[in-house]
Amino acid sequence: RIRPTRPIAQIRHGLRAAFGSPRVRILLALTSTLIGIAALFYCLVEGWSLVDAIYFSVMTIATVGFGDLAPQTTLGKLFTVGYVVCGLGLFVATAPAIADGLLRDLRGTPEP
């Protein structure tokens, strides 16, 4: 018999295990710090609201880039170039680390 809450409970448990990993915590801390610095920059330089600045910062390093917001100042554009170069690598390291932790827990494989 299929119990619909079982997969949800497994995923919740797996995410808890993934976020308990020191590697994932460090990557999340670095990613969050970088997003916070970028959001503060966009608030101050571009005059965006905090929500818009966080939204843009996350969409940019996740390479989604809807195009609804874009820096208008030269400083903002130059910062964004550096932010993408640094942030993309960090984001690309963080997302798979979380997925790996989740999958390891679901399979019952210990972390190396």
N, C-alpha and C. Protein backbone atom coordinates (compact mmCIF):
# COMPACT_ATOMS: atom_id res chain seq x y z
N ARG A 1 0.83 -1.18 0.00
CA ARG A 1 0.00 0.00 0.00
C ARG A 1 0.88 1.25 0.00
N ILE A 2 0.56 2.21 -0.85
CA ILE A 2 1.33 3.45 -0.96
C ILE A 2 0.85 4.44 0.09
N ARG A 3 1.80 4.92 0.87
CA ARG A 3 1.48 5.96 1.86
C ARG A 3 2.08 7.27 1.38
N PRO A 4 1.24 8.25 1.05
CA PRO A 4 1.75 9.49 0.45
C PRO A 4 2.67 10.29 1.38
N THR A 5 2.56 10.13 2.69
CA THR A 5 3.40 10.92 3.59
C THR A 5 4.80 10.33 3.72
N ARG A 6 4.99 9.08 3.38
CA ARG A 6 6.30 8.43 3.52
C ARG A 6 7.38 9.12 2.69
N PRO A 7 7.18 9.35 1.39
CA PRO A 7 8.22 10.04 0.62
C PRO A 7 8.52 11.44 1.16
N ILE A 8 7.50 12.14 1.60
CA ILE A 8 7.71 13.48 2.14
C ILE A 8 8.55 13.40 3.42
N ALA A 9 8.25 12.43 4.26
CA ALA A 9 9.02 12.26 5.50
C ALA A 9 10.46 11.88 5.18
N GLN A 10 10.66 11.05 4.17
CA GLN A 10 12.02 10.66 3.78
C GLN A 10 12.81 11.86 3.26
N ILE A 11 12.17 12.66 2.45
CA ILE A 11 12.84 13.85 1.91
C ILE A 11 13.16 14.83 3.04
N ARG A 12 12.22 15.02 3.95
CA ARG A 12 12.45 15.91 5.09
C ARG A 12 13.64 15.42 5.91
N HIS A 13 13.67 14.12 6.18
CA HIS A 13 14.78 13.53 6.94
C HIS A 13 16.10 13.69 6.18
N GLY A 14 16.06 13.46 4.88
CA GLY A 14 17.25 13.60 4.05
C GLY A 14 17.79 15.02 4.02
N LEU A 15 16.89 15.98 3.93
CA LEU A 15 17.30 17.38 3.95
C LEU A 15 17.91 17.75 5.30
N ARG A 16 17.31 17.24 6.36
CA ARG A 16 17.85 17.49 7.70
C ARG A 16 19.27 16.92 7.80
N ALA A 17 19.48 15.74 7.25
CA ALA A 17 20.81 15.13 7.26
C ALA A 17 21.78 15.93 6.39
N ALA A 18 21.32 16.37 5.23
CA ALA A 18 22.19 17.14 4.34
C ALA A 18 22.62 18.45 5.00
N PHE A 19 21.67 19.14 5.62
CA PHE A 19 21.99 20.42 6.26
C PHE A 19 22.79 20.22 7.54
N GLY A 20 22.86 19.00 8.02
CA GLY A 20 23.68 18.69 9.19
C GLY A 20 25.14 18.45 8.84
N SER A 21 25.43 18.30 7.57
CA SER A 21 26.79 18.06 7.11
C SER A 21 27.63 19.33 7.25
N PRO A 22 28.82 19.23 7.84
CA PRO A 22 29.68 20.41 7.96
C PRO A 22 30.01 21.04 6.61
N ARG A 23 30.23 20.22 5.60
CA ARG A 23 30.53 20.73 4.25
C ARG A 23 29.38 21.57 3.71
N VAL A 24 28.16 21.07 3.84
CA VAL A 24 26.98 21.80 3.36
C VAL A 24 26.80 23.08 4.17
N ARG A 25 26.99 23.00 5.47
CA ARG A 25 26.84 24.20 6.31
C ARG A 25 27.83 25.29 5.92
N ILE A 26 29.06 24.91 5.65
CA ILE A 26 30.07 25.90 5.25
C ILE A 26 29.70 26.51 3.90
N LEU A 27 29.32 25.66 2.95
CA LEU A 27 28.93 26.18 1.64
C LEU A 27 27.71 27.09 1.73
N LEU A 28 26.73 26.70 2.54
CA LEU A 28 25.55 27.55 2.72
C LEU A 28 25.90 28.88 3.37
N ALA A 29 26.80 28.83 4.35
CA ALA A 29 27.22 30.07 5.01
C ALA A 29 27.93 31.00 4.03
N LEU A 30 28.82 30.44 3.22
CA LEU A 30 29.52 31.25 2.23
C LEU A 30 28.55 31.81 1.18
N THR A 31 27.66 30.97 0.70
CA THR A 31 26.69 31.41 -0.30
C THR A 31 25.77 32.49 0.27
N SER A 32 25.28 32.27 1.48
CA SER A 32 24.39 33.25 2.12
C SER A 32 25.10 34.57 2.36
N THR A 33 26.35 34.49 2.78
CA THR A 33 27.14 35.71 3.01
C THR A 33 27.32 36.48 1.71
N LEU A 34 27.67 35.76 0.65
CA LEU A 34 27.85 36.42 -0.64
C LEU A 34 26.55 37.05 -1.14
N ILE A 35 25.44 36.35 -0.99
CA ILE A 35 24.14 36.90 -1.40
C ILE A 35 23.82 38.13 -0.55
N GLY A 36 24.10 38.07 0.74
CA GLY A 36 23.85 39.21 1.63
C GLY A 36 24.68 40.42 1.25
N ILE A 37 25.96 40.21 0.95
CA ILE A 37 26.83 41.31 0.53
C ILE A 37 26.32 41.92 -0.77
N ALA A 38 25.96 41.06 -1.71
CA ALA A 38 25.45 41.55 -3.00
C ALA A 38 24.14 42.32 -2.81
N ALA A 39 23.25 41.79 -1.99
CA ALA A 39 21.97 42.46 -1.76
C ALA A 39 22.19 43.84 -1.13
N LEU A 40 23.09 43.91 -0.16
CA LEU A 40 23.39 45.20 0.47
C LEU A 40 23.97 46.16 -0.57
N PHE A 41 24.85 45.67 -1.40
CA PHE A 41 25.42 46.50 -2.46
C PHE A 41 24.32 47.06 -3.36
N TYR A 42 23.42 46.20 -3.82
CA TYR A 42 22.37 46.65 -4.73
C TYR A 42 21.40 47.62 -4.05
N CYS A 43 21.16 47.42 -2.77
CA CYS A 43 20.33 48.38 -2.03
C CYS A 43 20.98 49.75 -2.03
N LEU A 44 22.26 49.77 -1.72
CA LEU A 44 22.97 51.05 -1.58
C LEU A 44 23.28 51.71 -2.92
N VAL A 45 23.74 50.94 -3.87
CA VAL A 45 24.20 51.51 -5.14
C VAL A 45 23.06 51.69 -6.15
N GLU A 46 22.21 50.69 -6.24
CA GLU A 46 21.12 50.76 -7.23
C GLU A 46 19.83 51.34 -6.64
N GLY A 47 19.76 51.42 -5.31
CA GLY A 47 18.56 51.97 -4.67
C GLY A 47 17.38 51.02 -4.66
N TRP A 48 17.66 49.72 -4.77
CA TRP A 48 16.59 48.72 -4.78
C TRP A 48 16.13 48.42 -3.37
N SER A 49 14.91 47.92 -3.25
CA SER A 49 14.42 47.44 -1.95
C SER A 49 15.21 46.19 -1.58
N LEU A 50 15.20 45.85 -0.30
CA LEU A 50 15.93 44.67 0.14
C LEU A 50 15.41 43.40 -0.54
N VAL A 51 14.10 43.30 -0.69
CA VAL A 51 13.52 42.12 -1.35
C VAL A 51 13.98 42.03 -2.81
N ASP A 52 13.94 43.15 -3.53
CA ASP A 52 14.39 43.15 -4.93
C ASP A 52 15.88 42.80 -5.02
N ALA A 53 16.66 43.33 -4.09
CA ALA A 53 18.10 43.08 -4.11
C ALA A 53 18.42 41.62 -3.83
N ILE A 54 17.74 41.02 -2.86
CA ILE A 54 17.95 39.60 -2.57
C ILE A 54 17.49 38.75 -3.76
N TYR A 55 16.33 39.08 -4.28
CA TYR A 55 15.78 38.36 -5.44
C TYR A 55 16.77 38.39 -6.60
N PHE A 56 17.26 39.57 -6.93
CA PHE A 56 18.21 39.70 -8.04
C PHE A 56 19.49 38.93 -7.76
N SER A 57 19.98 39.01 -6.54
CA SER A 57 21.22 38.33 -6.17
C SER A 57 21.10 36.82 -6.33
N VAL A 58 19.99 36.26 -5.89
CA VAL A 58 19.79 34.81 -6.01
C VAL A 58 19.57 34.41 -7.47
N MET A 59 18.72 35.13 -8.18
CA MET A 59 18.46 34.79 -9.58
C MET A 59 19.72 34.90 -10.44
N THR A 60 20.59 35.83 -10.08
CA THR A 60 21.81 36.02 -10.86
C THR A 60 22.78 34.86 -10.68
N ILE A 61 23.08 34.46 -9.42
CA ILE A 61 24.05 33.38 -9.27
C ILE A 61 23.45 32.01 -9.59
N ALA A 62 22.13 31.93 -9.61
CA ALA A 62 21.50 30.68 -10.02
C ALA A 62 21.38 30.62 -11.55
N THR A 63 21.83 31.64 -12.22
CA THR A 63 21.81 31.82 -13.68
C THR A 63 20.40 31.78 -14.26
N VAL A 64 19.42 32.14 -13.46
CA VAL A 64 18.05 32.21 -13.97
C VAL A 64 17.88 33.50 -14.76
N GLY A 65 18.19 34.62 -14.14
CA GLY A 65 18.19 35.92 -14.82
C GLY A 65 16.96 36.22 -15.63
N PHE A 66 15.83 36.46 -14.97
CA PHE A 66 14.59 36.75 -15.68
C PHE A 66 14.66 38.05 -16.49
N GLY A 67 15.54 38.97 -16.10
CA GLY A 67 15.67 40.22 -16.84
C GLY A 67 14.73 41.31 -16.36
N ASP A 68 13.96 41.04 -15.31
CA ASP A 68 13.04 42.06 -14.82
C ASP A 68 13.77 43.14 -14.03
N LEU A 69 14.94 42.83 -13.49
CA LEU A 69 15.79 43.81 -12.82
C LEU A 69 17.16 43.75 -13.46
N ALA A 70 17.81 44.89 -13.55
CA ALA A 70 19.18 44.94 -14.08
C ALA A 70 19.84 46.19 -13.51
N PRO A 71 21.11 46.07 -13.15
CA PRO A 71 21.82 47.25 -12.64
C PRO A 71 21.84 48.36 -13.69
N GLN A 72 21.67 49.58 -13.24
CA GLN A 72 21.66 50.73 -14.15
C GLN A 72 22.95 51.53 -14.07
N THR A 73 23.65 51.43 -12.95
CA THR A 73 24.88 52.20 -12.78
C THR A 73 26.08 51.41 -13.32
N THR A 74 27.13 52.14 -13.68
CA THR A 74 28.36 51.48 -14.14
C THR A 74 28.94 50.64 -13.02
N LEU A 75 28.95 51.17 -11.80
CA LEU A 75 29.48 50.43 -10.66
C LEU A 75 28.66 49.16 -10.43
N GLY A 76 27.35 49.27 -10.55
CA GLY A 76 26.48 48.10 -10.39
C GLY A 76 26.74 47.03 -11.43
N LYS A 77 26.97 47.45 -12.64
CA LYS A 77 27.25 46.49 -13.72
C LYS A 77 28.60 45.81 -13.51
N LEU A 78 29.61 46.58 -13.12
CA LEU A 78 30.94 46.00 -12.87
C LEU A 78 30.91 45.05 -11.68
N PHE A 79 30.20 45.43 -10.62
CA PHE A 79 30.06 44.56 -9.46
C PHE A 79 29.40 43.25 -9.86
N THR A 80 28.37 43.33 -10.68
CA THR A 80 27.63 42.14 -11.09
C THR A 80 28.52 41.17 -11.86
N VAL A 81 29.42 41.68 -12.68
CA VAL A 81 30.36 40.81 -13.39
C VAL A 81 31.19 40.02 -12.39
N GLY A 82 31.76 40.71 -11.40
CA GLY A 82 32.56 40.02 -10.39
C GLY A 82 31.73 39.08 -9.54
N TYR A 83 30.53 39.51 -9.23
CA TYR A 83 29.61 38.71 -8.42
C TYR A 83 29.27 37.40 -9.13
N VAL A 84 29.02 37.47 -10.41
CA VAL A 84 28.69 36.26 -11.17
C VAL A 84 29.90 35.31 -11.20
N VAL A 85 31.08 35.86 -11.45
CA VAL A 85 32.28 35.03 -11.53
C VAL A 85 32.51 34.30 -10.19
N CYS A 86 32.38 35.01 -9.08
CA CYS A 86 32.58 34.39 -7.76
C CYS A 86 31.37 33.55 -7.33
N GLY A 87 30.20 34.11 -7.51
CA GLY A 87 28.99 33.48 -7.00
C GLY A 87 28.56 32.24 -7.74
N LEU A 88 28.77 32.19 -9.03
CA LEU A 88 28.34 31.04 -9.81
C LEU A 88 29.07 29.78 -9.34
N GLY A 89 30.37 29.87 -9.17
CA GLY A 89 31.13 28.71 -8.71
C GLY A 89 30.68 28.25 -7.34
N LEU A 90 30.42 29.19 -6.47
CA LEU A 90 29.97 28.85 -5.13
C LEU A 90 28.59 28.21 -5.16
N PHE A 91 27.70 28.77 -5.95
CA PHE A 91 26.35 28.22 -6.07
C PHE A 91 26.39 26.82 -6.67
N VAL A 92 27.24 26.65 -7.67
CA VAL A 92 27.35 25.35 -8.34
C VAL A 92 27.94 24.31 -7.39
N ALA A 93 28.70 24.72 -6.40
CA ALA A 93 29.22 23.78 -5.40
C ALA A 93 28.17 23.48 -4.33
N THR A 94 27.37 24.47 -3.97
CA THR A 94 26.40 24.32 -2.88
C THR A 94 25.22 23.44 -3.26
N ALA A 95 24.60 23.69 -4.38
CA ALA A 95 23.39 22.95 -4.77
C ALA A 95 23.65 21.43 -4.86
N PRO A 96 24.71 20.98 -5.53
CA PRO A 96 24.95 19.53 -5.57
C PRO A 96 25.33 18.95 -4.21
N ALA A 97 25.98 19.74 -3.35
CA ALA A 97 26.33 19.23 -2.02
C ALA A 97 25.06 18.91 -1.22
N ILE A 98 24.06 19.77 -1.35
CA ILE A 98 22.78 19.52 -0.67
C ILE A 98 22.11 18.29 -1.27
N ALA A 99 22.08 18.21 -2.60
CA ALA A 99 21.47 17.05 -3.27
C ALA A 99 22.20 15.76 -2.92
N ASP A 100 23.52 15.81 -2.85
CA ASP A 100 24.31 14.63 -2.49
C ASP A 100 23.98 14.17 -1.08
N GLY A 101 23.89 15.11 -0.15
CA GLY A 101 23.54 14.76 1.22
C GLY A 101 22.16 14.14 1.32
N LEU A 102 21.22 14.69 0.59
CA LEU A 102 19.86 14.16 0.56
C LEU A 102 19.84 12.75 -0.01
N LEU A 103 20.51 12.55 -1.13
CA LEU A 103 20.52 11.22 -1.77
C LEU A 103 21.26 10.19 -0.93
N ARG A 104 22.35 10.60 -0.28
CA ARG A 104 23.07 9.67 0.60
C ARG A 104 22.16 9.19 1.73
N ASP A 105 21.39 10.11 2.30
CA ASP A 105 20.50 9.73 3.39
C ASP A 105 19.40 8.80 2.88
N LEU A 106 18.84 9.09 1.72
CA LEU A 106 17.77 8.25 1.17
C LEU A 106 18.29 6.84 0.85
N ARG A 107 19.55 6.74 0.41
CA ARG A 107 20.14 5.44 0.10
C ARG A 107 20.73 4.75 1.34
N GLY A 108 20.91 5.52 2.41
CA GLY A 108 21.53 4.96 3.61
C GLY A 108 23.04 4.88 3.50
N THR A 109 23.63 5.68 2.63
CA THR A 109 25.07 5.69 2.43
C THR A 109 25.67 6.73 3.37
N PRO A 110 26.68 6.37 4.16
CA PRO A 110 27.29 7.36 5.05
C PRO A 110 28.11 8.39 4.28
N GLU A 111 28.25 9.56 4.90
CA GLU A 111 29.05 10.62 4.29
C GLU A 111 30.52 10.26 4.41
N PRO A 112 31.30 10.52 3.36
CA PRO A 112 32.74 10.15 3.41
C PRO A 112 33.49 11.00 4.44
